[in-house]
Amino acid sequence: MKASTLRVAEVNAPAVARYKEMRDLLIEQPGLDRSLCEILVTTQLALLGQEVAFKLHAQRLFDLGVSKEQLERLVLVGLGVTFVIPQAAKALNWIAEAHALHQGSEAQA
């Protein structure tokens, strides 16, 4: 799984550096919680169907102490409002896959 920023940086590293600066400025504002920002981005990626990015951000949430079960419940909050059942089921599968990857990477560390 390669982050999209890594792929774009292969062609234009300065553009990715600027993108990361912008993201840091948006996320690191006073009064914003890093975990909450990451939850918001992750659930938006699920809604957009962005599997690879979703899994990378899910792993970041696991690193921040969010459990697999918490993330599953958070994704289901949008069920019937922003998610239809097939999207929610797909996101739940992605969470399971991301969690398995995360546990595998922890075991190797």
N, C-alpha and C. Protein backbone atom coordinates (compact mmCIF):
# COMPACT_ATOMS: atom_id res chain seq x y z
N MET A 1 0.84 -1.17 0.00
CA MET A 1 0.00 0.00 0.00
C MET A 1 0.90 1.24 0.00
N LYS A 2 0.84 2.01 -1.07
CA LYS A 2 1.66 3.22 -1.16
C LYS A 2 0.76 4.44 -0.99
N ALA A 3 1.16 5.32 -0.09
CA ALA A 3 0.41 6.56 0.11
C ALA A 3 0.43 7.38 -1.17
N SER A 4 -0.68 8.04 -1.45
CA SER A 4 -0.77 8.85 -2.67
C SER A 4 0.26 9.97 -2.66
N THR A 5 0.59 10.48 -1.48
CA THR A 5 1.61 11.54 -1.42
C THR A 5 2.97 11.03 -1.88
N LEU A 6 3.27 9.76 -1.58
CA LEU A 6 4.54 9.19 -2.05
C LEU A 6 4.58 9.09 -3.57
N ARG A 7 3.45 8.67 -4.14
CA ARG A 7 3.40 8.53 -5.60
C ARG A 7 3.52 9.89 -6.28
N VAL A 8 2.79 10.88 -5.79
CA VAL A 8 2.85 12.22 -6.39
C VAL A 8 4.23 12.83 -6.19
N ALA A 9 4.85 12.57 -5.04
CA ALA A 9 6.19 13.11 -4.77
C ALA A 9 7.23 12.56 -5.74
N GLU A 10 6.99 11.37 -6.28
CA GLU A 10 7.91 10.83 -7.28
C GLU A 10 7.98 11.72 -8.52
N VAL A 11 6.91 12.45 -8.77
CA VAL A 11 6.86 13.34 -9.93
C VAL A 11 7.12 14.78 -9.54
N ASN A 12 6.60 15.20 -8.36
CA ASN A 12 6.76 16.60 -7.95
C ASN A 12 6.83 16.69 -6.43
N ALA A 13 8.01 16.49 -5.89
CA ALA A 13 8.21 16.51 -4.44
C ALA A 13 7.87 17.86 -3.81
N PRO A 14 8.23 19.01 -4.44
CA PRO A 14 7.87 20.29 -3.82
C PRO A 14 6.36 20.50 -3.67
N ALA A 15 5.58 19.99 -4.61
CA ALA A 15 4.13 20.13 -4.51
C ALA A 15 3.61 19.36 -3.29
N VAL A 16 4.16 18.19 -3.06
CA VAL A 16 3.73 17.39 -1.91
C VAL A 16 4.17 18.06 -0.61
N ALA A 17 5.35 18.65 -0.61
CA ALA A 17 5.82 19.37 0.58
C ALA A 17 4.86 20.51 0.93
N ARG A 18 4.42 21.25 -0.07
CA ARG A 18 3.46 22.35 0.15
C ARG A 18 2.12 21.80 0.63
N TYR A 19 1.68 20.69 0.04
CA TYR A 19 0.43 20.05 0.45
C TYR A 19 0.49 19.68 1.93
N LYS A 20 1.61 19.08 2.34
CA LYS A 20 1.76 18.68 3.74
C LYS A 20 1.79 19.89 4.66
N GLU A 21 2.42 20.98 4.22
CA GLU A 21 2.40 22.22 5.00
C GLU A 21 0.98 22.71 5.21
N MET A 22 0.18 22.70 4.12
CA MET A 22 -1.20 23.13 4.20
C MET A 22 -1.98 22.26 5.18
N ARG A 23 -1.81 20.93 5.08
CA ARG A 23 -2.52 20.01 5.96
C ARG A 23 -2.15 20.26 7.43
N ASP A 24 -0.85 20.49 7.68
CA ASP A 24 -0.42 20.77 9.05
C ASP A 24 -1.05 22.05 9.58
N LEU A 25 -1.12 23.07 8.73
CA LEU A 25 -1.74 24.33 9.15
C LEU A 25 -3.22 24.15 9.47
N LEU A 26 -3.90 23.31 8.74
CA LEU A 26 -5.32 23.07 8.98
C LEU A 26 -5.55 22.23 10.23
N ILE A 27 -4.71 21.24 10.45
CA ILE A 27 -4.92 20.30 11.55
C ILE A 27 -4.36 20.82 12.87
N GLU A 28 -3.27 21.53 12.83
CA GLU A 28 -2.59 21.94 14.06
C GLU A 28 -3.09 23.28 14.60
N GLN A 29 -4.35 23.59 14.39
CA GLN A 29 -4.91 24.83 14.91
C GLN A 29 -5.26 24.67 16.39
N PRO A 30 -5.13 25.74 17.15
CA PRO A 30 -5.51 25.66 18.57
C PRO A 30 -6.98 25.24 18.70
N GLY A 31 -7.24 24.35 19.64
CA GLY A 31 -8.60 23.91 19.90
C GLY A 31 -9.03 22.70 19.09
N LEU A 32 -8.20 22.24 18.15
CA LEU A 32 -8.53 21.04 17.38
C LEU A 32 -7.77 19.85 17.95
N ASP A 33 -8.47 18.75 18.10
CA ASP A 33 -7.87 17.53 18.59
C ASP A 33 -7.39 16.70 17.41
N ARG A 34 -6.16 16.24 17.45
CA ARG A 34 -5.58 15.47 16.34
C ARG A 34 -6.38 14.21 16.03
N SER A 35 -6.79 13.49 17.06
CA SER A 35 -7.56 12.26 16.85
C SER A 35 -8.90 12.57 16.19
N LEU A 36 -9.55 13.63 16.63
CA LEU A 36 -10.83 14.00 16.05
C LEU A 36 -10.67 14.37 14.57
N CYS A 37 -9.63 15.11 14.25
CA CYS A 37 -9.36 15.47 12.86
C CYS A 37 -9.11 14.20 12.03
N GLU A 38 -8.37 13.28 12.56
CA GLU A 38 -8.06 12.04 11.84
C GLU A 38 -9.32 11.20 11.66
N ILE A 39 -10.20 11.17 12.66
CA ILE A 39 -11.47 10.46 12.53
C ILE A 39 -12.31 11.07 11.42
N LEU A 40 -12.37 12.38 11.39
CA LEU A 40 -13.16 13.06 10.36
C LEU A 40 -12.64 12.74 8.96
N VAL A 41 -11.34 12.85 8.77
CA VAL A 41 -10.74 12.55 7.46
C VAL A 41 -10.98 11.09 7.08
N THR A 42 -10.78 10.19 8.03
CA THR A 42 -10.93 8.77 7.75
C THR A 42 -12.35 8.42 7.33
N THR A 43 -13.33 8.93 8.06
CA THR A 43 -14.71 8.64 7.69
C THR A 43 -15.09 9.28 6.36
N GLN A 44 -14.54 10.45 6.06
CA GLN A 44 -14.79 11.06 4.75
C GLN A 44 -14.21 10.20 3.63
N LEU A 45 -13.04 9.64 3.85
CA LEU A 45 -12.43 8.76 2.85
C LEU A 45 -13.27 7.52 2.62
N ALA A 46 -13.88 6.99 3.68
CA ALA A 46 -14.77 5.85 3.52
C ALA A 46 -15.97 6.23 2.66
N LEU A 47 -16.54 7.38 2.94
CA LEU A 47 -17.69 7.85 2.18
C LEU A 47 -17.34 8.03 0.70
N LEU A 48 -16.14 8.49 0.43
CA LEU A 48 -15.70 8.70 -0.95
C LEU A 48 -15.24 7.42 -1.64
N GLY A 49 -15.12 6.33 -0.88
CA GLY A 49 -14.70 5.06 -1.46
C GLY A 49 -13.22 4.97 -1.74
N GLN A 50 -12.42 5.73 -1.01
CA GLN A 50 -10.97 5.77 -1.20
C GLN A 50 -10.31 4.74 -0.29
N GLU A 51 -10.27 3.50 -0.77
CA GLU A 51 -9.83 2.38 0.05
C GLU A 51 -8.40 2.51 0.58
N VAL A 52 -7.45 2.77 -0.29
CA VAL A 52 -6.04 2.81 0.15
C VAL A 52 -5.83 3.93 1.16
N ALA A 53 -6.31 5.12 0.86
CA ALA A 53 -6.14 6.24 1.79
C ALA A 53 -6.88 5.97 3.10
N PHE A 54 -8.07 5.38 3.00
CA PHE A 54 -8.83 5.03 4.20
C PHE A 54 -8.01 4.12 5.11
N LYS A 55 -7.44 3.08 4.53
CA LYS A 55 -6.68 2.12 5.34
C LYS A 55 -5.45 2.76 5.98
N LEU A 56 -4.78 3.64 5.26
CA LEU A 56 -3.62 4.33 5.84
C LEU A 56 -4.05 5.21 7.02
N HIS A 57 -5.14 5.93 6.84
CA HIS A 57 -5.62 6.79 7.93
C HIS A 57 -6.17 5.97 9.09
N ALA A 58 -6.80 4.83 8.79
CA ALA A 58 -7.28 3.95 9.87
C ALA A 58 -6.10 3.48 10.71
N GLN A 59 -5.00 3.15 10.07
CA GLN A 59 -3.82 2.72 10.81
C GLN A 59 -3.27 3.85 11.68
N ARG A 60 -3.35 5.08 11.19
CA ARG A 60 -2.95 6.23 12.01
C ARG A 60 -3.83 6.31 13.25
N LEU A 61 -5.14 6.08 13.05
CA LEU A 61 -6.03 6.10 14.21
C LEU A 61 -5.67 5.01 15.21
N PHE A 62 -5.34 3.83 14.73
CA PHE A 62 -4.92 2.76 15.63
C PHE A 62 -3.66 3.19 16.40
N ASP A 63 -2.74 3.87 15.72
CA ASP A 63 -1.55 4.39 16.39
C ASP A 63 -1.90 5.42 17.46
N LEU A 64 -2.99 6.16 17.23
CA LEU A 64 -3.42 7.18 18.19
C LEU A 64 -4.26 6.60 19.33
N GLY A 65 -4.46 5.28 19.30
CA GLY A 65 -5.18 4.63 20.39
C GLY A 65 -6.65 4.37 20.14
N VAL A 66 -7.13 4.68 18.94
CA VAL A 66 -8.52 4.36 18.61
C VAL A 66 -8.58 2.86 18.32
N SER A 67 -9.54 2.18 18.91
CA SER A 67 -9.64 0.74 18.71
C SER A 67 -10.40 0.43 17.42
N LYS A 68 -10.23 -0.80 16.97
CA LYS A 68 -10.96 -1.28 15.79
C LYS A 68 -12.46 -1.13 16.02
N GLU A 69 -12.93 -1.51 17.20
CA GLU A 69 -14.35 -1.45 17.51
C GLU A 69 -14.86 0.00 17.54
N GLN A 70 -14.06 0.91 18.07
CA GLN A 70 -14.46 2.32 18.07
C GLN A 70 -14.59 2.84 16.64
N LEU A 71 -13.63 2.51 15.80
CA LEU A 71 -13.68 2.99 14.42
C LEU A 71 -14.88 2.39 13.69
N GLU A 72 -15.17 1.13 13.95
CA GLU A 72 -16.35 0.51 13.33
C GLU A 72 -17.62 1.27 13.73
N ARG A 73 -17.74 1.58 15.02
CA ARG A 73 -18.94 2.30 15.49
C ARG A 73 -18.99 3.71 14.92
N LEU A 74 -17.84 4.36 14.80
CA LEU A 74 -17.81 5.71 14.24
C LEU A 74 -18.25 5.73 12.78
N VAL A 75 -17.80 4.76 12.01
CA VAL A 75 -18.19 4.69 10.61
C VAL A 75 -19.70 4.46 10.50
N LEU A 76 -20.26 3.64 11.37
CA LEU A 76 -21.68 3.33 11.29
C LEU A 76 -22.58 4.49 11.72
N VAL A 77 -22.01 5.52 12.35
CA VAL A 77 -22.80 6.69 12.73
C VAL A 77 -23.45 7.32 11.49
N GLY A 78 -22.79 7.25 10.36
CA GLY A 78 -23.33 7.84 9.13
C GLY A 78 -24.33 6.97 8.39
N LEU A 79 -24.58 5.76 8.89
CA LEU A 79 -25.48 4.83 8.21
C LEU A 79 -26.89 5.43 8.14
N GLY A 80 -27.42 5.46 6.95
CA GLY A 80 -28.76 6.01 6.74
C GLY A 80 -28.78 7.51 6.56
N VAL A 81 -27.65 8.16 6.79
CA VAL A 81 -27.56 9.60 6.62
C VAL A 81 -26.63 9.91 5.45
N THR A 82 -25.39 9.47 5.55
CA THR A 82 -24.43 9.67 4.47
C THR A 82 -23.98 8.37 3.84
N PHE A 83 -24.13 7.27 4.55
CA PHE A 83 -23.74 5.94 4.05
C PHE A 83 -24.97 5.10 3.77
N VAL A 84 -24.91 4.32 2.71
CA VAL A 84 -25.88 3.25 2.51
C VAL A 84 -25.21 1.97 2.99
N ILE A 85 -26.01 0.94 3.22
CA ILE A 85 -25.49 -0.30 3.82
C ILE A 85 -24.31 -0.89 3.06
N PRO A 86 -24.33 -0.95 1.71
CA PRO A 86 -23.16 -1.53 1.04
C PRO A 86 -21.87 -0.75 1.29
N GLN A 87 -21.97 0.58 1.36
CA GLN A 87 -20.78 1.38 1.66
C GLN A 87 -20.29 1.11 3.08
N ALA A 88 -21.21 1.02 4.01
CA ALA A 88 -20.83 0.77 5.39
C ALA A 88 -20.17 -0.60 5.53
N ALA A 89 -20.73 -1.60 4.86
CA ALA A 89 -20.15 -2.94 4.92
C ALA A 89 -18.75 -2.95 4.32
N LYS A 90 -18.57 -2.22 3.22
CA LYS A 90 -17.24 -2.14 2.59
C LYS A 90 -16.25 -1.48 3.55
N ALA A 91 -16.68 -0.40 4.19
CA ALA A 91 -15.79 0.29 5.14
C ALA A 91 -15.44 -0.61 6.31
N LEU A 92 -16.40 -1.41 6.78
CA LEU A 92 -16.12 -2.34 7.88
C LEU A 92 -15.08 -3.37 7.45
N ASN A 93 -15.17 -3.84 6.21
CA ASN A 93 -14.16 -4.76 5.70
C ASN A 93 -12.79 -4.09 5.65
N TRP A 94 -12.76 -2.84 5.20
CA TRP A 94 -11.49 -2.11 5.14
C TRP A 94 -10.89 -1.93 6.52
N ILE A 95 -11.74 -1.67 7.51
CA ILE A 95 -11.25 -1.52 8.89
C ILE A 95 -10.60 -2.83 9.34
N ALA A 96 -11.24 -3.94 9.08
CA ALA A 96 -10.69 -5.24 9.47
C ALA A 96 -9.34 -5.48 8.79
N GLU A 97 -9.26 -5.15 7.50
CA GLU A 97 -8.00 -5.33 6.77
C GLU A 97 -6.91 -4.40 7.29
N ALA A 98 -7.27 -3.14 7.54
CA ALA A 98 -6.29 -2.17 8.07
C ALA A 98 -5.82 -2.60 9.46
N HIS A 99 -6.74 -3.10 10.26
CA HIS A 99 -6.38 -3.54 11.61
C HIS A 99 -5.42 -4.72 11.56
N ALA A 100 -5.70 -5.66 10.65
CA ALA A 100 -4.79 -6.82 10.49
C ALA A 100 -3.41 -6.36 10.05
N LEU A 101 -3.36 -5.41 9.13
CA LEU A 101 -2.06 -4.86 8.69
C LEU A 101 -1.35 -4.18 9.83
N HIS A 102 -2.11 -3.42 10.62
CA HIS A 102 -1.53 -2.69 11.75
C HIS A 102 -0.97 -3.66 12.78
N GLN A 103 -1.71 -4.72 13.08
CA GLN A 103 -1.23 -5.70 14.05
C GLN A 103 0.01 -6.40 13.53
N GLY A 104 0.04 -6.67 12.23
CA GLY A 104 1.22 -7.30 11.62
C GLY A 104 2.45 -6.40 11.70
N SER A 105 2.25 -5.11 11.50
CA SER A 105 3.38 -4.18 11.57
C SER A 105 3.86 -4.01 12.99
N GLU A 106 2.95 -4.10 13.97
CA GLU A 106 3.35 -4.01 15.38
C GLU A 106 4.14 -5.26 15.79
N ALA A 107 3.74 -6.40 15.25
CA ALA A 107 4.42 -7.65 15.59
C ALA A 107 5.85 -7.65 15.05
N GLN A 108 6.05 -6.98 13.91
CA GLN A 108 7.40 -6.93 13.31
C GLN A 108 8.29 -5.94 14.01
N ALA A 109 7.68 -4.97 14.72
CA ALA A 109 8.48 -3.92 15.39
C ALA A 109 9.14 -4.43 16.64
